[in-house]
Amino acid sequence: MTNSQWLEEEFARGGRENWCMSCSCTTCGSFQMVELLTGNPVSGIDSYREAPSDMTWARADDVVEGLRNCGPETNAEAIIWMLYMLWQRWGDRVHAELFSPLGDTFAGDVLVGMRAHYARTTERSRLHLLRQGVKTKVRLE
């Protein structure tokens, strides 16, 4: 990419145009964000679901490089959306191979917050399961 601020500029455009940046949106599928993530046009609800699976690793690398150049004025929700979708596509591989360069960037700070949120949520679920036990089916006779 010749413009290192390309992703930040696209996020700003998305804000001006009121793009949906909701993770796992079931209404519109956040199609503009999917197109931005994959670099490919999508159409139809099935395309929204399938498009991330067609994303290349090279495109993911470009997106992470774009995230590195996003500053604190960038919409954090857009960064969360991108990080989540990358993780959803490749799992922990992105943490090991792509996310480390985010380091001390704004996107890196957002990622740290996401990891902390995930740890808190996982711990709450674990404690709930300990208190409630495993649910069993009740047989009606």
N, C-alpha and C. Protein backbone atom coordinates (compact mmCIF):
# COMPACT_ATOMS: atom_id res chain seq x y z
N MET A 1 0.85 -1.19 0.00
CA MET A 1 0.00 0.00 0.00
C MET A 1 0.89 1.24 0.00
N THR A 2 0.55 2.19 -0.86
CA THR A 2 1.36 3.40 -0.94
C THR A 2 0.95 4.41 0.11
N ASN A 3 -0.32 4.42 0.53
CA ASN A 3 -0.81 5.34 1.54
C ASN A 3 -0.92 4.61 2.87
N SER A 4 -0.04 4.91 3.81
CA SER A 4 -0.03 4.19 5.08
C SER A 4 -1.27 4.48 5.93
N GLN A 5 -1.98 5.55 5.62
CA GLN A 5 -3.17 5.94 6.38
C GLN A 5 -4.47 5.45 5.72
N TRP A 6 -4.36 4.56 4.75
CA TRP A 6 -5.53 4.16 3.97
C TRP A 6 -6.66 3.62 4.84
N LEU A 7 -6.34 2.81 5.82
CA LEU A 7 -7.40 2.20 6.63
C LEU A 7 -8.04 3.24 7.54
N GLU A 8 -7.24 4.08 8.13
CA GLU A 8 -7.78 5.15 8.98
C GLU A 8 -8.72 6.05 8.17
N GLU A 9 -8.34 6.35 6.93
CA GLU A 9 -9.17 7.18 6.06
C GLU A 9 -10.48 6.46 5.72
N GLU A 10 -10.42 5.16 5.49
CA GLU A 10 -11.64 4.39 5.20
C GLU A 10 -12.55 4.33 6.43
N PHE A 11 -11.97 4.18 7.62
CA PHE A 11 -12.77 4.19 8.84
C PHE A 11 -13.46 5.54 9.01
N ALA A 12 -12.75 6.62 8.71
CA ALA A 12 -13.34 7.96 8.81
C ALA A 12 -14.50 8.10 7.81
N ARG A 13 -14.30 7.59 6.60
CA ARG A 13 -15.38 7.62 5.59
C ARG A 13 -16.57 6.81 6.09
N GLY A 14 -16.29 5.66 6.69
CA GLY A 14 -17.35 4.83 7.24
C GLY A 14 -18.13 5.54 8.32
N GLY A 15 -17.45 6.33 9.13
CA GLY A 15 -18.12 7.12 10.16
C GLY A 15 -19.02 8.18 9.54
N ARG A 16 -18.52 8.86 8.51
CA ARG A 16 -19.31 9.90 7.84
C ARG A 16 -20.54 9.30 7.14
N GLU A 17 -20.37 8.09 6.61
CA GLU A 17 -21.46 7.45 5.86
C GLU A 17 -22.29 6.50 6.72
N ASN A 18 -22.02 6.49 8.02
CA ASN A 18 -22.78 5.66 8.98
C ASN A 18 -22.76 4.17 8.65
N TRP A 19 -21.57 3.64 8.35
CA TRP A 19 -21.45 2.20 8.13
C TRP A 19 -21.74 1.46 9.41
N CYS A 20 -22.32 0.30 9.29
CA CYS A 20 -22.51 -0.57 10.44
C CYS A 20 -21.16 -1.20 10.78
N MET A 21 -20.74 -1.03 12.03
CA MET A 21 -19.48 -1.60 12.49
C MET A 21 -19.72 -2.52 13.68
N SER A 22 -20.90 -3.11 13.69
CA SER A 22 -21.29 -4.00 14.77
C SER A 22 -20.83 -5.42 14.46
N CYS A 23 -20.03 -5.99 15.36
CA CYS A 23 -19.56 -7.37 15.17
C CYS A 23 -20.77 -8.30 15.07
N SER A 24 -20.73 -9.18 14.10
CA SER A 24 -21.77 -10.20 13.91
C SER A 24 -23.15 -9.61 13.67
N CYS A 25 -23.23 -8.52 12.94
CA CYS A 25 -24.52 -7.90 12.64
C CYS A 25 -25.35 -8.87 11.80
N THR A 26 -26.57 -9.12 12.25
CA THR A 26 -27.44 -10.04 11.52
C THR A 26 -28.44 -9.29 10.64
N THR A 27 -28.44 -7.98 10.69
CA THR A 27 -29.34 -7.20 9.87
C THR A 27 -28.72 -6.91 8.50
N CYS A 28 -27.57 -6.26 8.50
CA CYS A 28 -26.95 -5.89 7.23
C CYS A 28 -25.68 -6.67 6.94
N GLY A 29 -25.12 -7.32 7.95
CA GLY A 29 -23.88 -8.06 7.74
C GLY A 29 -22.65 -7.17 7.68
N SER A 30 -22.81 -5.89 8.02
CA SER A 30 -21.69 -4.95 7.98
C SER A 30 -20.94 -5.04 6.65
N PHE A 31 -21.70 -5.04 5.55
CA PHE A 31 -21.11 -5.36 4.26
C PHE A 31 -20.00 -4.41 3.83
N GLN A 32 -20.09 -3.12 4.18
CA GLN A 32 -19.00 -2.21 3.81
C GLN A 32 -17.71 -2.59 4.53
N MET A 33 -17.84 -3.00 5.78
CA MET A 33 -16.67 -3.41 6.54
C MET A 33 -16.11 -4.73 5.99
N VAL A 34 -16.98 -5.64 5.58
CA VAL A 34 -16.53 -6.90 4.97
C VAL A 34 -15.76 -6.59 3.69
N GLU A 35 -16.29 -5.68 2.88
CA GLU A 35 -15.59 -5.31 1.64
C GLU A 35 -14.25 -4.66 1.94
N LEU A 36 -14.19 -3.83 2.97
CA LEU A 36 -12.94 -3.20 3.37
C LEU A 36 -11.95 -4.25 3.86
N LEU A 37 -12.43 -5.18 4.65
CA LEU A 37 -11.57 -6.24 5.19
C LEU A 37 -11.00 -7.13 4.10
N THR A 38 -11.85 -7.57 3.20
CA THR A 38 -11.43 -8.54 2.19
C THR A 38 -10.84 -7.91 0.94
N GLY A 39 -11.20 -6.64 0.69
CA GLY A 39 -10.75 -6.00 -0.53
C GLY A 39 -11.55 -6.42 -1.74
N ASN A 40 -12.68 -7.09 -1.50
CA ASN A 40 -13.53 -7.59 -2.59
C ASN A 40 -14.96 -7.13 -2.38
N PRO A 41 -15.70 -6.90 -3.48
CA PRO A 41 -17.11 -6.56 -3.34
C PRO A 41 -17.92 -7.77 -2.90
N VAL A 42 -18.97 -7.52 -2.14
CA VAL A 42 -19.87 -8.60 -1.72
C VAL A 42 -21.30 -8.16 -2.01
N SER A 43 -22.15 -9.14 -2.27
CA SER A 43 -23.56 -8.83 -2.48
C SER A 43 -24.37 -10.01 -2.01
N GLY A 44 -25.48 -9.73 -1.38
CA GLY A 44 -26.34 -10.79 -0.88
C GLY A 44 -25.90 -11.28 0.48
N ILE A 45 -26.85 -11.75 1.27
CA ILE A 45 -26.57 -12.14 2.65
C ILE A 45 -25.60 -13.31 2.72
N ASP A 46 -25.67 -14.25 1.78
CA ASP A 46 -24.73 -15.37 1.81
C ASP A 46 -23.31 -14.90 1.54
N SER A 47 -23.15 -13.91 0.66
CA SER A 47 -21.83 -13.38 0.37
C SER A 47 -21.21 -12.74 1.60
N TYR A 48 -22.04 -12.04 2.40
CA TYR A 48 -21.52 -11.40 3.61
C TYR A 48 -20.92 -12.43 4.55
N ARG A 49 -21.59 -13.57 4.65
CA ARG A 49 -21.13 -14.63 5.55
C ARG A 49 -19.89 -15.32 5.00
N GLU A 50 -19.84 -15.52 3.70
CA GLU A 50 -18.77 -16.29 3.08
C GLU A 50 -17.53 -15.46 2.76
N ALA A 51 -17.68 -14.17 2.56
CA ALA A 51 -16.58 -13.33 2.11
C ALA A 51 -15.34 -13.41 2.99
N PRO A 52 -15.46 -13.34 4.32
CA PRO A 52 -14.23 -13.41 5.12
C PRO A 52 -13.44 -14.69 4.91
N SER A 53 -14.10 -15.80 4.59
CA SER A 53 -13.37 -17.05 4.37
C SER A 53 -12.56 -17.01 3.08
N ASP A 54 -12.88 -16.07 2.18
CA ASP A 54 -12.14 -15.93 0.93
C ASP A 54 -10.98 -14.94 1.06
N MET A 55 -10.83 -14.30 2.21
CA MET A 55 -9.77 -13.32 2.40
C MET A 55 -8.41 -14.00 2.40
N THR A 56 -7.45 -13.40 1.75
CA THR A 56 -6.11 -13.97 1.70
C THR A 56 -5.29 -13.51 2.91
N TRP A 57 -4.25 -14.28 3.19
CA TRP A 57 -3.33 -13.92 4.28
C TRP A 57 -2.61 -12.61 3.95
N ALA A 58 -2.30 -12.40 2.68
CA ALA A 58 -1.64 -11.15 2.27
C ALA A 58 -2.56 -9.95 2.55
N ARG A 59 -3.85 -10.11 2.30
CA ARG A 59 -4.79 -9.03 2.59
C ARG A 59 -4.85 -8.78 4.10
N ALA A 60 -4.86 -9.84 4.88
CA ALA A 60 -4.87 -9.70 6.34
C ALA A 60 -3.63 -8.94 6.80
N ASP A 61 -2.50 -9.24 6.20
CA ASP A 61 -1.26 -8.54 6.54
C ASP A 61 -1.37 -7.06 6.20
N ASP A 62 -1.96 -6.74 5.05
CA ASP A 62 -2.18 -5.33 4.67
C ASP A 62 -3.11 -4.63 5.66
N VAL A 63 -4.16 -5.32 6.10
CA VAL A 63 -5.10 -4.73 7.05
C VAL A 63 -4.41 -4.46 8.38
N VAL A 64 -3.61 -5.40 8.86
CA VAL A 64 -2.90 -5.19 10.12
C VAL A 64 -1.91 -4.03 9.99
N GLU A 65 -1.25 -3.94 8.85
CA GLU A 65 -0.35 -2.80 8.63
C GLU A 65 -1.14 -1.50 8.65
N GLY A 66 -2.34 -1.50 8.08
CA GLY A 66 -3.21 -0.32 8.14
C GLY A 66 -3.61 -0.01 9.57
N LEU A 67 -3.90 -1.05 10.36
CA LEU A 67 -4.26 -0.84 11.78
C LEU A 67 -3.10 -0.23 12.56
N ARG A 68 -1.87 -0.60 12.22
CA ARG A 68 -0.70 -0.04 12.91
C ARG A 68 -0.65 1.48 12.77
N ASN A 69 -1.19 1.98 11.68
CA ASN A 69 -1.10 3.41 11.40
C ASN A 69 -2.34 4.19 11.83
N CYS A 70 -3.27 3.54 12.50
CA CYS A 70 -4.46 4.22 13.01
C CYS A 70 -4.13 4.91 14.33
N GLY A 71 -4.55 6.16 14.45
CA GLY A 71 -4.28 6.91 15.67
C GLY A 71 -5.47 6.92 16.61
N PRO A 72 -5.32 7.58 17.76
CA PRO A 72 -6.37 7.60 18.77
C PRO A 72 -7.68 8.25 18.32
N GLU A 73 -7.64 9.00 17.24
CA GLU A 73 -8.87 9.61 16.74
C GLU A 73 -9.70 8.61 15.93
N THR A 74 -9.13 7.45 15.65
CA THR A 74 -9.82 6.41 14.90
C THR A 74 -10.93 5.78 15.74
N ASN A 75 -12.02 5.45 15.09
CA ASN A 75 -13.15 4.80 15.75
C ASN A 75 -12.70 3.43 16.28
N ALA A 76 -12.67 3.28 17.59
CA ALA A 76 -12.23 2.02 18.21
C ALA A 76 -13.14 0.86 17.82
N GLU A 77 -14.42 1.14 17.61
CA GLU A 77 -15.35 0.07 17.22
C GLU A 77 -14.95 -0.54 15.87
N ALA A 78 -14.45 0.28 14.96
CA ALA A 78 -14.00 -0.22 13.66
C ALA A 78 -12.76 -1.10 13.83
N ILE A 79 -11.87 -0.70 14.71
CA ILE A 79 -10.66 -1.49 14.97
C ILE A 79 -11.06 -2.82 15.61
N ILE A 80 -11.96 -2.78 16.58
CA ILE A 80 -12.45 -4.00 17.22
C ILE A 80 -13.04 -4.93 16.17
N TRP A 81 -13.85 -4.39 15.27
CA TRP A 81 -14.48 -5.20 14.23
C TRP A 81 -13.41 -5.91 13.40
N MET A 82 -12.41 -5.16 12.95
CA MET A 82 -11.36 -5.75 12.12
C MET A 82 -10.57 -6.83 12.87
N LEU A 83 -10.16 -6.52 14.09
CA LEU A 83 -9.39 -7.49 14.87
C LEU A 83 -10.20 -8.76 15.12
N TYR A 84 -11.47 -8.58 15.47
CA TYR A 84 -12.33 -9.73 15.73
C TYR A 84 -12.50 -10.59 14.48
N MET A 85 -12.73 -9.97 13.34
CA MET A 85 -12.94 -10.72 12.10
C MET A 85 -11.66 -11.44 11.67
N LEU A 86 -10.52 -10.82 11.87
CA LEU A 86 -9.26 -11.50 11.55
C LEU A 86 -9.08 -12.71 12.45
N TRP A 87 -9.36 -12.53 13.73
CA TRP A 87 -9.25 -13.66 14.66
C TRP A 87 -10.27 -14.74 14.30
N GLN A 88 -11.48 -14.34 13.97
CA GLN A 88 -12.51 -15.31 13.63
C GLN A 88 -12.10 -16.12 12.40
N ARG A 89 -11.42 -15.50 11.47
CA ARG A 89 -10.99 -16.18 10.23
C ARG A 89 -9.84 -17.14 10.48
N TRP A 90 -8.81 -16.70 11.25
CA TRP A 90 -7.60 -17.50 11.40
C TRP A 90 -7.28 -17.94 12.83
N GLY A 91 -8.11 -17.59 13.77
CA GLY A 91 -7.89 -18.02 15.14
C GLY A 91 -6.59 -17.49 15.73
N ASP A 92 -5.97 -18.29 16.57
CA ASP A 92 -4.78 -17.84 17.29
C ASP A 92 -3.57 -17.62 16.39
N ARG A 93 -3.63 -18.09 15.15
CA ARG A 93 -2.51 -17.85 14.22
C ARG A 93 -2.27 -16.36 14.03
N VAL A 94 -3.35 -15.56 13.99
CA VAL A 94 -3.16 -14.11 13.80
C VAL A 94 -2.48 -13.48 15.01
N HIS A 95 -2.76 -14.01 16.21
CA HIS A 95 -2.09 -13.48 17.39
C HIS A 95 -0.58 -13.72 17.30
N ALA A 96 -0.21 -14.92 16.90
CA ALA A 96 1.19 -15.29 16.84
C ALA A 96 1.94 -14.62 15.69
N GLU A 97 1.28 -14.49 14.54
CA GLU A 97 2.00 -14.06 13.35
C GLU A 97 1.70 -12.64 12.88
N LEU A 98 0.53 -12.10 13.21
CA LEU A 98 0.18 -10.78 12.68
C LEU A 98 0.01 -9.69 13.72
N PHE A 99 -0.53 -10.03 14.88
CA PHE A 99 -0.88 -8.99 15.84
C PHE A 99 0.30 -8.43 16.62
N SER A 100 1.39 -9.15 16.71
CA SER A 100 2.52 -8.65 17.51
C SER A 100 3.06 -7.30 17.04
N PRO A 101 3.09 -6.99 15.74
CA PRO A 101 3.56 -5.67 15.33
C PRO A 101 2.67 -4.50 15.78
N LEU A 102 1.45 -4.81 16.25
CA LEU A 102 0.57 -3.73 16.72
C LEU A 102 1.13 -3.08 17.98
N GLY A 103 1.83 -3.89 18.80
CA GLY A 103 2.55 -3.41 19.97
C GLY A 103 1.99 -2.19 20.66
N ASP A 104 2.73 -1.10 20.61
CA ASP A 104 2.38 0.14 21.31
C ASP A 104 1.59 1.11 20.46
N THR A 105 0.78 0.59 19.55
CA THR A 105 -0.05 1.44 18.71
C THR A 105 -1.44 1.56 19.35
N PHE A 106 -2.26 2.45 18.83
CA PHE A 106 -3.63 2.56 19.32
C PHE A 106 -4.38 1.25 19.11
N ALA A 107 -4.21 0.63 17.95
CA ALA A 107 -4.86 -0.66 17.69
C ALA A 107 -4.35 -1.72 18.66
N GLY A 108 -3.08 -1.65 19.03
CA GLY A 108 -2.53 -2.56 20.03
C GLY A 108 -3.19 -2.37 21.38
N ASP A 109 -3.45 -1.11 21.75
CA ASP A 109 -4.16 -0.82 23.00
C ASP A 109 -5.58 -1.37 22.96
N VAL A 110 -6.24 -1.23 21.82
CA VAL A 110 -7.59 -1.77 21.66
C VAL A 110 -7.55 -3.29 21.80
N LEU A 111 -6.55 -3.93 21.20
CA LEU A 111 -6.40 -5.38 21.29
C LEU A 111 -6.18 -5.82 22.74
N VAL A 112 -5.38 -5.09 23.50
CA VAL A 112 -5.17 -5.41 24.91
C VAL A 112 -6.50 -5.35 25.66
N GLY A 113 -7.30 -4.33 25.37
CA GLY A 113 -8.61 -4.21 25.98
C GLY A 113 -9.53 -5.37 25.61
N MET A 114 -9.46 -5.80 24.35
CA MET A 114 -10.28 -6.93 23.91
C MET A 114 -9.86 -8.22 24.64
N ARG A 115 -8.57 -8.41 24.78
CA ARG A 115 -8.08 -9.61 25.48
C ARG A 115 -8.51 -9.59 26.95
N ALA A 116 -8.44 -8.42 27.58
CA ALA A 116 -8.87 -8.31 28.98
C ALA A 116 -10.36 -8.59 29.10
N HIS A 117 -11.15 -8.07 28.18
CA HIS A 117 -12.59 -8.32 28.18
C HIS A 117 -12.87 -9.81 28.03
N TYR A 118 -12.18 -10.46 27.12
CA TYR A 118 -12.36 -11.89 26.90
C TYR A 118 -12.00 -12.67 28.16
N ALA A 119 -10.91 -12.30 28.81
CA ALA A 119 -10.50 -13.00 30.04
C ALA A 119 -11.55 -12.83 31.13
N ARG A 120 -12.08 -11.61 31.29
CA ARG A 120 -13.13 -11.38 32.30
C ARG A 120 -14.39 -12.18 31.99
N THR A 121 -14.80 -12.18 30.74
CA THR A 121 -16.00 -12.90 30.34
C THR A 121 -15.83 -14.41 30.54
N THR A 122 -14.68 -14.92 30.18
CA THR A 122 -14.41 -16.34 30.36
C THR A 122 -14.42 -16.72 31.84
N GLU A 123 -13.83 -15.88 32.66
CA GLU A 123 -13.81 -16.15 34.11
C GLU A 123 -15.22 -16.09 34.70
N ARG A 124 -16.01 -15.11 34.29
CA ARG A 124 -17.40 -15.03 34.76
C ARG A 124 -18.19 -16.28 34.37
N SER A 125 -17.99 -16.75 33.16
CA SER A 125 -18.68 -17.96 32.71
C SER A 125 -18.24 -19.17 33.52
N ARG A 126 -16.94 -19.26 33.79
CA ARG A 126 -16.43 -20.37 34.59
C ARG A 126 -17.02 -20.37 35.99
N LEU A 127 -17.06 -19.18 36.62
CA LEU A 127 -17.62 -19.08 37.97
C LEU A 127 -19.12 -19.38 37.98
N HIS A 128 -19.82 -18.93 36.96
CA HIS A 128 -21.25 -19.21 36.86
C HIS A 128 -21.48 -20.72 36.77
N LEU A 129 -20.70 -21.39 35.95
CA LEU A 129 -20.83 -22.83 35.80
C LEU A 129 -20.55 -23.55 37.12
N LEU A 130 -19.56 -23.06 37.87
CA LEU A 130 -19.26 -23.66 39.18
C LEU A 130 -20.43 -23.50 40.14
N ARG A 131 -21.04 -22.31 40.14
CA ARG A 131 -22.17 -22.04 41.04
C ARG A 131 -23.42 -22.81 40.63
N GLN A 132 -23.69 -22.84 39.34
CA GLN A 132 -24.95 -23.41 38.85
C GLN A 132 -24.86 -24.89 38.53
N GLY A 133 -23.69 -25.35 38.23
CA GLY A 133 -23.55 -26.74 37.82
C GLY A 133 -24.02 -26.92 36.38
N VAL A 134 -23.89 -28.11 35.90
CA VAL A 134 -24.29 -28.42 34.52
C VAL A 134 -25.81 -28.63 34.49
N LYS A 135 -26.45 -27.96 33.58
CA LYS A 135 -27.91 -28.10 33.45
C LYS A 135 -28.23 -29.48 32.89
N THR A 136 -29.27 -30.09 33.43
CA THR A 136 -29.72 -31.39 32.94
C THR A 136 -31.16 -31.29 32.51
N LYS A 137 -31.55 -32.17 31.61
CA LYS A 137 -32.93 -32.19 31.15
C LYS A 137 -33.80 -32.78 32.24
N VAL A 138 -34.96 -32.20 32.40
CA VAL A 138 -35.94 -32.71 33.36
C VAL A 138 -36.91 -33.59 32.59
N ARG A 139 -37.09 -34.82 33.04
CA ARG A 139 -38.04 -35.72 32.38
C ARG A 139 -39.42 -35.54 32.98
N LEU A 140 -40.34 -35.29 32.12
CA LEU A 140 -41.74 -35.20 32.56
C LEU A 140 -42.38 -36.58 32.42
N GLU A 141 -42.99 -37.04 33.48
CA GLU A 141 -43.63 -38.36 33.42
C GLU A 141 -45.10 -38.25 33.59
